[in-house]
Protein backbone atom coordinates (compact mmCIF):
# COMPACT_ATOMS: atom_id res chain seq x y z
CA MET A 1 -0.15 0.08 -0.15
CA GLY A 2 1.49 3.38 -1.03
CA GLU A 3 1.63 6.60 1.06
CA SER A 4 -1.42 8.10 -0.50
CA GLU A 5 -3.52 4.90 -0.21
CA GLY A 6 -2.77 5.13 3.71
CA VAL A 7 -3.49 8.75 3.93
CA PHE A 8 -6.78 7.93 2.40
CA ILE A 9 -7.65 5.05 4.53
CA MET A 10 -7.05 7.19 7.79
CA ASN A 11 -8.82 9.62 6.28
CA ILE A 12 -11.86 7.21 5.92
CA MET A 13 -11.41 6.16 9.34
CA ASP A 14 -11.38 9.13 10.81
CA LYS A 15 -14.77 10.04 9.01
CA VAL A 16 -15.95 6.62 10.30
CA LYS A 17 -15.06 7.60 13.84
CA ASP A 18 -16.21 11.02 13.97
CA TRP A 19 -19.88 9.69 12.52
CA LEU A 20 -20.00 6.90 15.30
CA GLN A 21 -19.08 9.58 17.92
CA GLU A 22 -22.02 11.88 16.69
CA VAL A 23 -24.17 8.95 16.90
CA VAL A 24 -23.55 7.90 20.53
CA HIS A 25 -23.90 11.95 21.30
CA ASP A 26 -26.99 12.55 19.47
CA ASN A 27 -28.64 9.54 21.15
CA GLN A 28 -27.25 10.10 24.70
CA GLU A 29 -30.38 11.70 25.74
CA ILE A 30 -32.54 8.86 24.63
CA VAL A 31 -29.97 6.11 26.16
CA ASN A 32 -29.75 8.04 29.57
CA ALA A 33 -33.87 8.04 29.85
CA LYS A 34 -33.63 4.63 29.11
CA GLU A 35 -31.16 3.65 31.84
CA ASN A 36 -32.83 5.56 34.13
CA ASN A 37 -36.39 4.22 33.39
CA GLU A 38 -37.72 7.26 32.37
CA ALA A 39 -40.58 7.96 29.99
CA GLU A 40 -39.81 7.11 26.33
CA ILE A 41 -38.43 10.25 24.41
CA THR A 42 -39.50 9.59 20.87
CA THR A 43 -43.09 9.93 19.95
CA ASP A 44 -43.26 6.61 18.00
CA GLY A 45 -41.61 4.25 20.43
CA THR A 46 -38.66 3.76 18.63
CA ASP A 47 -36.14 4.66 21.78
CA ASP A 48 -34.85 0.89 21.67
CA ILE A 49 -33.56 1.41 18.24
CA PHE A 50 -31.63 4.47 19.01
CA VAL A 51 -30.28 2.75 22.05
CA GLY A 52 -29.09 -0.18 19.71
CA TRP A 53 -27.55 2.36 17.48
CA SER A 54 -25.65 3.77 20.18
CA GLU A 55 -24.40 0.80 22.01
CA CYS A 56 -23.23 -0.52 18.49
CA SER A 57 -21.54 2.52 17.67
CA GLU A 58 -19.76 2.40 21.05
CA SER A 59 -18.78 -1.06 20.48
CA LEU A 60 -17.30 -0.21 17.36
CA LEU A 61 -15.26 2.49 18.53
CA GLU A 62 -14.02 0.38 21.03
CA LYS A 63 -13.08 -2.35 18.47
CA ILE A 64 -11.11 0.32 16.01
CA SER A 65 -9.31 1.59 19.40
CA GLU A 66 -8.07 -2.01 19.73
CA TRP A 67 -6.69 -1.92 16.10
């Protein structure tokens, strides 16, 4: 792999990490409400989906850190 390919891959990885961190941040209010057994935040009952996205994003961020 050439230097430019390595830079390209690192740029993509940075974008992926930024996006995953954004998902975690954007869903934090919903995750907190769920963890504290508070009323659902969403009006359509999709809180669990957002919690799942957040959990998946956190797991991927941890895995990327291991690499």
